[in-house]
Amino acid sequence: MTAVELKTELLQHCQKQVDNRYSKIKQTITGIEESLLEESKSSSGDKHETGRAMLQIDRENAGKQLQEIEKIVPLLKKIDVKATSDYARLGSLVYTDRFTYFISLSIGTVSIGKTDYLCVALNSPVGLLISGKKKGDEFNLNGNVYKITSVK
């Protein structure tokens, strides 16, 4: 598998993760709004007001999560899997003596074939350590030294 094919597949995993999260949040918001309508039809009283207040808080939280997802979508579009560089940046595959990182979104480990790839965001602690590094450079993470063996 070429580096471009591998990065394309990893990017598709990232996109799928975002799509799934977006769908779940939309379902949550829909469920909350339906519950709010049902609460409106219920009898009044302290229990009713508390229930409505809790649902409003849940809806606000879900709305914030939706906004976060909507910020990620443009970032995914910026990832050019065909671009190559000798230094680590958004869209790079960074091979170290221990792990292989795909600088994209923080979605964790993605297995392709028999190999695991750690998808990390550029602004995550690991992403910030790796960003701008080249083959042969080292970085220290949690007391462990990682040597970059290749950047694609």
N, C-alpha and C. Protein backbone atom coordinates (compact mmCIF):
# COMPACT_ATOMS: atom_id res chain seq x y z
N MET A 1 0.86 -1.19 0.00
CA MET A 1 0.00 0.00 0.00
C MET A 1 0.90 1.24 0.00
N THR A 2 0.63 2.17 -0.90
CA THR A 2 1.43 3.39 -0.96
C THR A 2 1.05 4.32 0.19
N ALA A 3 1.92 5.31 0.43
CA ALA A 3 1.66 6.27 1.50
C ALA A 3 0.36 7.03 1.23
N VAL A 4 0.11 7.40 -0.03
CA VAL A 4 -1.11 8.14 -0.37
C VAL A 4 -2.34 7.27 -0.10
N GLU A 5 -2.30 6.01 -0.48
CA GLU A 5 -3.43 5.10 -0.24
C GLU A 5 -3.67 4.93 1.26
N LEU A 6 -2.58 4.79 2.00
CA LEU A 6 -2.68 4.62 3.45
C LEU A 6 -3.27 5.87 4.11
N LYS A 7 -2.76 7.03 3.73
CA LYS A 7 -3.27 8.28 4.30
C LYS A 7 -4.74 8.49 3.91
N THR A 8 -5.10 8.09 2.69
CA THR A 8 -6.49 8.20 2.25
C THR A 8 -7.39 7.34 3.12
N GLU A 9 -6.96 6.12 3.39
CA GLU A 9 -7.77 5.22 4.23
C GLU A 9 -7.87 5.75 5.66
N LEU A 10 -6.77 6.25 6.19
CA LEU A 10 -6.79 6.81 7.54
C LEU A 10 -7.69 8.04 7.61
N LEU A 11 -7.65 8.88 6.58
CA LEU A 11 -8.50 10.06 6.53
C LEU A 11 -9.97 9.65 6.47
N GLN A 12 -10.27 8.58 5.74
CA GLN A 12 -11.65 8.08 5.67
C GLN A 12 -12.13 7.62 7.04
N HIS A 13 -11.23 6.99 7.82
CA HIS A 13 -11.60 6.59 9.19
C HIS A 13 -11.92 7.84 10.03
N CYS A 14 -11.11 8.88 9.87
CA CYS A 14 -11.36 10.12 10.60
C CYS A 14 -12.72 10.70 10.21
N GLN A 15 -12.99 10.73 8.92
CA GLN A 15 -14.25 11.28 8.41
C GLN A 15 -15.44 10.48 8.95
N LYS A 16 -15.31 9.17 8.94
CA LYS A 16 -16.38 8.30 9.44
C LYS A 16 -16.63 8.57 10.93
N GLN A 17 -15.56 8.76 11.68
CA GLN A 17 -15.68 9.04 13.11
C GLN A 17 -16.45 10.35 13.33
N VAL A 18 -16.10 11.36 12.55
CA VAL A 18 -16.77 12.66 12.66
C VAL A 18 -18.24 12.52 12.26
N ASP A 19 -18.51 11.81 11.16
CA ASP A 19 -19.89 11.62 10.72
C ASP A 19 -20.72 10.89 11.77
N ASN A 20 -20.15 9.85 12.36
CA ASN A 20 -20.87 9.10 13.40
C ASN A 20 -21.17 9.98 14.61
N ARG A 21 -20.19 10.76 15.03
CA ARG A 21 -20.37 11.62 16.19
C ARG A 21 -21.42 12.69 15.89
N TYR A 22 -21.38 13.24 14.68
CA TYR A 22 -22.35 14.25 14.26
C TYR A 22 -23.77 13.68 14.31
N SER A 23 -23.93 12.46 13.77
CA SER A 23 -25.25 11.82 13.76
C SER A 23 -25.77 11.58 15.18
N LYS A 24 -24.89 11.11 16.06
CA LYS A 24 -25.30 10.84 17.45
C LYS A 24 -25.73 12.12 18.15
N ILE A 25 -24.99 13.19 17.92
CA ILE A 25 -25.34 14.46 18.57
C ILE A 25 -26.67 14.98 18.03
N LYS A 26 -26.88 14.88 16.71
CA LYS A 26 -28.15 15.32 16.12
C LYS A 26 -29.31 14.50 16.69
N GLN A 27 -29.11 13.18 16.85
CA GLN A 27 -30.15 12.33 17.44
C GLN A 27 -30.43 12.75 18.87
N THR A 28 -29.38 13.05 19.61
CA THR A 28 -29.53 13.48 21.00
C THR A 28 -30.35 14.76 21.06
N ILE A 29 -30.02 15.72 20.20
CA ILE A 29 -30.75 16.99 20.19
C ILE A 29 -32.22 16.77 19.84
N THR A 30 -32.47 15.94 18.84
CA THR A 30 -33.85 15.62 18.46
C THR A 30 -34.60 15.00 19.63
N GLY A 31 -33.97 14.04 20.31
CA GLY A 31 -34.59 13.40 21.47
C GLY A 31 -34.88 14.38 22.59
N ILE A 32 -33.97 15.29 22.83
CA ILE A 32 -34.17 16.29 23.87
C ILE A 32 -35.33 17.21 23.51
N GLU A 33 -35.38 17.63 22.24
CA GLU A 33 -36.46 18.52 21.82
C GLU A 33 -37.82 17.84 21.91
N GLU A 34 -37.86 16.54 21.58
CA GLU A 34 -39.12 15.79 21.74
C GLU A 34 -39.50 15.70 23.20
N SER A 35 -38.52 15.47 24.06
CA SER A 35 -38.79 15.40 25.50
C SER A 35 -39.28 16.74 26.04
N LEU A 36 -38.71 17.82 25.52
CA LEU A 36 -39.17 19.15 25.95
C LEU A 36 -40.62 19.37 25.56
N LEU A 37 -41.01 18.91 24.38
CA LEU A 37 -42.41 19.03 23.96
C LEU A 37 -43.31 18.22 24.88
N GLU A 38 -42.87 17.03 25.24
CA GLU A 38 -43.66 16.18 26.15
C GLU A 38 -43.76 16.82 27.53
N GLU A 39 -42.65 17.42 27.98
CA GLU A 39 -42.67 18.09 29.29
C GLU A 39 -43.66 19.25 29.28
N SER A 40 -43.78 19.93 28.14
CA SER A 40 -44.71 21.06 28.04
C SER A 40 -46.14 20.60 28.21
N LYS A 41 -46.42 19.37 27.78
CA LYS A 41 -47.78 18.84 27.86
C LYS A 41 -48.09 18.28 29.25
N SER A 42 -47.04 18.06 30.05
CA SER A 42 -47.24 17.48 31.38
C SER A 42 -47.84 18.50 32.33
N SER A 43 -48.19 18.02 33.52
CA SER A 43 -48.74 18.91 34.53
C SER A 43 -47.64 19.81 35.07
N SER A 44 -48.03 20.95 35.61
CA SER A 44 -47.04 21.88 36.12
C SER A 44 -46.65 21.53 37.54
N GLY A 45 -45.65 22.21 38.03
CA GLY A 45 -45.18 21.98 39.38
C GLY A 45 -43.66 22.00 39.40
N ASP A 46 -43.08 21.83 40.60
CA ASP A 46 -41.63 21.87 40.76
C ASP A 46 -40.94 20.76 39.96
N LYS A 47 -41.54 19.57 39.97
CA LYS A 47 -40.95 18.44 39.25
C LYS A 47 -40.90 18.75 37.75
N HIS A 48 -41.96 19.34 37.25
CA HIS A 48 -42.04 19.71 35.83
C HIS A 48 -40.96 20.74 35.48
N GLU A 49 -40.82 21.78 36.31
CA GLU A 49 -39.83 22.83 36.04
C GLU A 49 -38.41 22.29 36.11
N THR A 50 -38.14 21.42 37.06
CA THR A 50 -36.82 20.81 37.18
C THR A 50 -36.50 19.97 35.94
N GLY A 51 -37.48 19.19 35.50
CA GLY A 51 -37.29 18.36 34.30
C GLY A 51 -36.99 19.21 33.07
N ARG A 52 -37.73 20.30 32.91
CA ARG A 52 -37.49 21.20 31.77
C ARG A 52 -36.10 21.84 31.85
N ALA A 53 -35.71 22.26 33.04
CA ALA A 53 -34.41 22.89 33.22
C ALA A 53 -33.28 21.91 32.87
N MET A 54 -33.43 20.68 33.31
CA MET A 54 -32.42 19.65 33.03
C MET A 54 -32.33 19.41 31.52
N LEU A 55 -33.47 19.35 30.86
CA LEU A 55 -33.48 19.14 29.40
C LEU A 55 -32.85 20.32 28.67
N GLN A 56 -33.10 21.52 29.16
CA GLN A 56 -32.50 22.71 28.54
C GLN A 56 -30.97 22.66 28.66
N ILE A 57 -30.48 22.26 29.81
CA ILE A 57 -29.03 22.13 30.01
C ILE A 57 -28.46 21.06 29.08
N ASP A 58 -29.16 19.94 28.98
CA ASP A 58 -28.72 18.88 28.06
C ASP A 58 -28.68 19.38 26.62
N ARG A 59 -29.68 20.17 26.24
CA ARG A 59 -29.73 20.69 24.87
C ARG A 59 -28.58 21.67 24.62
N GLU A 60 -28.26 22.50 25.61
CA GLU A 60 -27.13 23.43 25.48
C GLU A 60 -25.82 22.67 25.32
N ASN A 61 -25.64 21.63 26.13
CA ASN A 61 -24.41 20.83 26.05
C ASN A 61 -24.29 20.14 24.69
N ALA A 62 -25.38 19.58 24.21
CA ALA A 62 -25.36 18.93 22.91
C ALA A 62 -25.08 19.95 21.81
N GLY A 63 -25.61 21.15 21.95
CA GLY A 63 -25.35 22.22 20.99
C GLY A 63 -23.88 22.59 20.94
N LYS A 64 -23.24 22.63 22.11
CA LYS A 64 -21.80 22.92 22.16
C LYS A 64 -21.00 21.82 21.47
N GLN A 65 -21.40 20.56 21.70
CA GLN A 65 -20.72 19.43 21.04
C GLN A 65 -20.89 19.53 19.53
N LEU A 66 -22.06 19.92 19.09
CA LEU A 66 -22.32 20.08 17.66
C LEU A 66 -21.43 21.18 17.07
N GLN A 67 -21.27 22.26 17.78
CA GLN A 67 -20.39 23.34 17.32
C GLN A 67 -18.95 22.87 17.19
N GLU A 68 -18.50 22.06 18.14
CA GLU A 68 -17.14 21.52 18.09
C GLU A 68 -16.94 20.65 16.85
N ILE A 69 -17.92 19.81 16.57
CA ILE A 69 -17.85 18.94 15.38
C ILE A 69 -17.82 19.80 14.12
N GLU A 70 -18.64 20.84 14.09
CA GLU A 70 -18.69 21.70 12.92
C GLU A 70 -17.38 22.45 12.69
N LYS A 71 -16.58 22.64 13.74
CA LYS A 71 -15.25 23.25 13.59
C LYS A 71 -14.25 22.26 12.98
N ILE A 72 -14.46 20.97 13.23
CA ILE A 72 -13.55 19.94 12.76
C ILE A 72 -13.68 19.69 11.26
N VAL A 73 -14.88 19.81 10.74
CA VAL A 73 -15.13 19.50 9.32
C VAL A 73 -14.21 20.29 8.38
N PRO A 74 -14.05 21.61 8.55
CA PRO A 74 -13.13 22.33 7.66
C PRO A 74 -11.68 21.85 7.80
N LEU A 75 -11.30 21.46 9.01
CA LEU A 75 -9.95 20.95 9.24
C LEU A 75 -9.70 19.68 8.42
N LEU A 76 -10.69 18.80 8.40
CA LEU A 76 -10.56 17.57 7.60
C LEU A 76 -10.36 17.89 6.13
N LYS A 77 -11.05 18.92 5.66
CA LYS A 77 -10.93 19.29 4.25
C LYS A 77 -9.55 19.86 3.91
N LYS A 78 -8.84 20.36 4.92
CA LYS A 78 -7.50 20.91 4.71
C LYS A 78 -6.44 19.83 4.55
N ILE A 79 -6.75 18.61 4.96
CA ILE A 79 -5.76 17.53 4.91
C ILE A 79 -5.60 17.08 3.48
N ASP A 80 -4.40 17.27 2.95
CA ASP A 80 -4.06 16.86 1.59
C ASP A 80 -3.20 15.61 1.68
N VAL A 81 -3.81 14.46 1.40
CA VAL A 81 -3.09 13.18 1.53
C VAL A 81 -2.04 13.00 0.45
N LYS A 82 -2.14 13.75 -0.62
CA LYS A 82 -1.17 13.63 -1.72
C LYS A 82 0.08 14.47 -1.50
N ALA A 83 -0.02 15.45 -0.61
CA ALA A 83 1.12 16.33 -0.34
C ALA A 83 2.20 15.56 0.41
N THR A 84 3.44 15.80 0.03
CA THR A 84 4.56 15.19 0.74
C THR A 84 5.44 16.29 1.29
N SER A 85 6.11 15.97 2.35
CA SER A 85 6.99 16.93 3.00
C SER A 85 8.04 16.16 3.79
N ASP A 86 9.18 16.77 3.99
CA ASP A 86 10.21 16.10 4.78
C ASP A 86 10.07 16.40 6.27
N TYR A 87 9.08 17.22 6.63
CA TYR A 87 8.82 17.50 8.04
C TYR A 87 7.36 17.17 8.37
N ALA A 88 7.10 16.88 9.63
CA ALA A 88 5.76 16.49 10.08
C ALA A 88 4.84 17.70 10.12
N ARG A 89 3.64 17.54 9.53
CA ARG A 89 2.63 18.58 9.50
C ARG A 89 1.27 17.91 9.34
N LEU A 90 0.22 18.71 9.25
CA LEU A 90 -1.13 18.17 9.09
C LEU A 90 -1.17 17.27 7.86
N GLY A 91 -1.63 16.04 8.05
CA GLY A 91 -1.72 15.07 6.96
C GLY A 91 -0.52 14.18 6.81
N SER A 92 0.49 14.36 7.65
CA SER A 92 1.70 13.54 7.56
C SER A 92 1.55 12.21 8.28
N LEU A 93 2.22 11.21 7.73
CA LEU A 93 2.43 9.94 8.42
C LEU A 93 3.82 10.03 9.02
N VAL A 94 3.90 9.88 10.33
CA VAL A 94 5.18 10.01 11.02
C VAL A 94 5.52 8.66 11.65
N TYR A 95 6.56 8.04 11.14
CA TYR A 95 7.01 6.74 11.64
C TYR A 95 8.07 6.98 12.69
N THR A 96 7.88 6.35 13.85
CA THR A 96 8.89 6.42 14.90
C THR A 96 9.37 5.00 15.20
N ASP A 97 10.32 4.92 16.10
CA ASP A 97 10.83 3.60 16.49
C ASP A 97 9.83 2.82 17.33
N ARG A 98 8.71 3.43 17.70
CA ARG A 98 7.69 2.74 18.50
C ARG A 98 6.31 2.73 17.85
N PHE A 99 5.87 3.86 17.33
CA PHE A 99 4.52 3.99 16.77
C PHE A 99 4.56 4.71 15.43
N THR A 100 3.44 4.63 14.73
CA THR A 100 3.26 5.42 13.53
C THR A 100 2.08 6.34 13.78
N TYR A 101 2.31 7.63 13.57
CA TYR A 101 1.30 8.65 13.82
C TYR A 101 0.78 9.21 12.51
N PHE A 102 -0.53 9.47 12.46
CA PHE A 102 -1.14 10.19 11.36
C PHE A 102 -1.65 11.49 11.94
N ILE A 103 -1.09 12.61 11.51
CA ILE A 103 -1.47 13.91 12.06
C ILE A 103 -2.75 14.37 11.37
N SER A 104 -3.85 14.29 12.10
CA SER A 104 -5.16 14.59 11.54
C SER A 104 -6.10 15.03 12.66
N LEU A 105 -6.86 14.07 13.20
CA LEU A 105 -7.76 14.29 14.33
C LEU A 105 -7.39 13.32 15.45
N SER A 106 -7.71 13.68 16.65
CA SER A 106 -7.46 12.78 17.78
C SER A 106 -8.60 11.77 17.88
N ILE A 107 -8.47 10.67 17.15
CA ILE A 107 -9.49 9.63 17.23
C ILE A 107 -8.91 8.33 17.78
N GLY A 108 -7.63 8.34 18.12
CA GLY A 108 -7.02 7.16 18.70
C GLY A 108 -6.44 6.23 17.66
N THR A 109 -6.41 4.96 18.01
CA THR A 109 -5.77 3.95 17.18
C THR A 109 -6.70 3.46 16.08
N VAL A 110 -6.14 3.37 14.88
CA VAL A 110 -6.84 2.82 13.73
C VAL A 110 -5.97 1.69 13.20
N SER A 111 -6.56 0.50 13.05
CA SER A 111 -5.82 -0.65 12.53
C SER A 111 -6.13 -0.83 11.05
N ILE A 112 -5.08 -0.91 10.27
CA ILE A 112 -5.19 -1.19 8.84
C ILE A 112 -4.24 -2.34 8.56
N GLY A 113 -4.83 -3.42 8.06
CA GLY A 113 -4.01 -4.63 7.93
C GLY A 113 -3.63 -5.10 9.31
N LYS A 114 -2.36 -5.33 9.50
CA LYS A 114 -1.87 -5.78 10.81
C LYS A 114 -1.12 -4.67 11.53
N THR A 115 -1.28 -3.45 11.05
CA THR A 115 -0.55 -2.32 11.62
C THR A 115 -1.51 -1.34 12.28
N ASP A 116 -1.09 -0.84 13.44
CA ASP A 116 -1.86 0.18 14.15
C ASP A 116 -1.27 1.55 13.87
N TYR A 117 -2.14 2.52 13.66
CA TYR A 117 -1.75 3.90 13.43
C TYR A 117 -2.45 4.75 14.48
N LEU A 118 -1.71 5.66 15.09
CA LEU A 118 -2.30 6.56 16.07
C LEU A 118 -2.66 7.87 15.39
N CYS A 119 -3.94 8.15 15.31
CA CYS A 119 -4.41 9.40 14.71
C CYS A 119 -4.43 10.45 15.80
N VAL A 120 -3.63 11.51 15.60
CA VAL A 120 -3.51 12.57 16.60
C VAL A 120 -3.76 13.92 15.94
N ALA A 121 -4.30 14.84 16.70
CA ALA A 121 -4.54 16.20 16.20
C ALA A 121 -3.24 16.98 16.25
N LEU A 122 -3.13 17.93 15.34
CA LEU A 122 -1.94 18.77 15.28
C LEU A 122 -1.75 19.55 16.57
N ASN A 123 -2.86 19.98 17.19
CA ASN A 123 -2.77 20.77 18.42
C ASN A 123 -2.83 19.93 19.69
N SER A 124 -2.76 18.60 19.57
CA SER A 124 -2.72 17.73 20.75
C SER A 124 -1.30 17.74 21.31
N PRO A 125 -1.10 17.27 22.54
CA PRO A 125 0.25 17.23 23.09
C PRO A 125 1.24 16.48 22.19
N VAL A 126 0.86 15.32 21.68
CA VAL A 126 1.74 14.55 20.80
C VAL A 126 1.94 15.28 19.48
N GLY A 127 0.85 15.80 18.92
CA GLY A 127 0.93 16.53 17.66
C GLY A 127 1.87 17.72 17.75
N LEU A 128 1.81 18.45 18.86
CA LEU A 128 2.69 19.61 19.05
C LEU A 128 4.15 19.18 19.16
N LEU A 129 4.39 18.04 19.78
CA LEU A 129 5.77 17.53 19.90
C LEU A 129 6.33 17.09 18.55
N ILE A 130 5.48 16.50 17.72
CA ILE A 130 5.91 15.96 16.43
C ILE A 130 6.00 17.04 15.35
N SER A 131 5.12 18.01 15.40
CA SER A 131 5.00 19.03 14.35
C SER A 131 6.35 19.68 14.04
N GLY A 132 6.68 19.72 12.77
CA GLY A 132 7.92 20.35 12.32
C GLY A 132 9.16 19.47 12.40
N LYS A 133 9.02 18.30 12.98
CA LYS A 133 10.17 17.39 13.11
C LYS A 133 10.43 16.67 11.79
N LYS A 134 11.69 16.26 11.61
CA LYS A 134 12.11 15.55 10.40
C LYS A 134 12.68 14.19 10.76
N LYS A 135 12.94 13.39 9.74
CA LYS A 135 13.57 12.09 9.92
C LYS A 135 14.86 12.28 10.71
N GLY A 136 15.04 11.44 11.73
CA GLY A 136 16.23 11.51 12.57
C GLY A 136 16.03 12.33 13.83
N ASP A 137 15.02 13.19 13.85
CA ASP A 137 14.73 14.00 15.04
C ASP A 137 14.15 13.12 16.14
N GLU A 138 14.26 13.58 17.36
CA GLU A 138 13.70 12.87 18.51
C GLU A 138 12.77 13.79 19.27
N PHE A 139 11.85 13.18 20.01
CA PHE A 139 10.99 13.94 20.91
C PHE A 139 10.75 13.11 22.15
N ASN A 140 10.47 13.80 23.26
CA ASN A 140 10.28 13.15 24.54
C ASN A 140 8.81 13.24 24.92
N LEU A 141 8.20 12.09 25.17
CA LEU A 141 6.79 12.03 25.56
C LEU A 141 6.67 11.15 26.79
N ASN A 142 6.21 11.75 27.88
CA ASN A 142 6.03 11.02 29.14
C ASN A 142 7.29 10.28 29.57
N GLY A 143 8.43 10.90 29.40
CA GLY A 143 9.69 10.29 29.82
C GLY A 143 10.27 9.29 28.84
N ASN A 144 9.59 9.06 27.73
CA ASN A 144 10.09 8.15 26.70
C ASN A 144 10.60 8.96 25.51
N VAL A 145 11.76 8.55 24.99
CA VAL A 145 12.33 9.22 23.83
C VAL A 145 11.93 8.44 22.59
N TYR A 146 11.36 9.15 21.62
CA TYR A 146 10.94 8.56 20.35
C TYR A 146 11.82 9.13 19.25
N LYS A 147 12.30 8.26 18.38
CA LYS A 147 13.10 8.72 17.25
C LYS A 147 12.26 8.58 15.97
N ILE A 148 12.21 9.66 15.20
CA ILE A 148 11.45 9.66 13.94
C ILE A 148 12.30 8.97 12.87
N THR A 149 11.75 7.90 12.32
CA THR A 149 12.48 7.13 11.31
C THR A 149 12.08 7.52 9.89
N SER A 150 10.89 8.14 9.74
CA SER A 150 10.43 8.53 8.41
C SER A 150 9.22 9.45 8.52
N VAL A 151 9.09 10.36 7.55
CA VAL A 151 7.91 11.22 7.46
C VAL A 151 7.41 11.14 6.03
N LYS A 152 6.15 10.81 5.87
CA LYS A 152 5.56 10.69 4.53
C LYS A 152 4.28 11.50 4.44
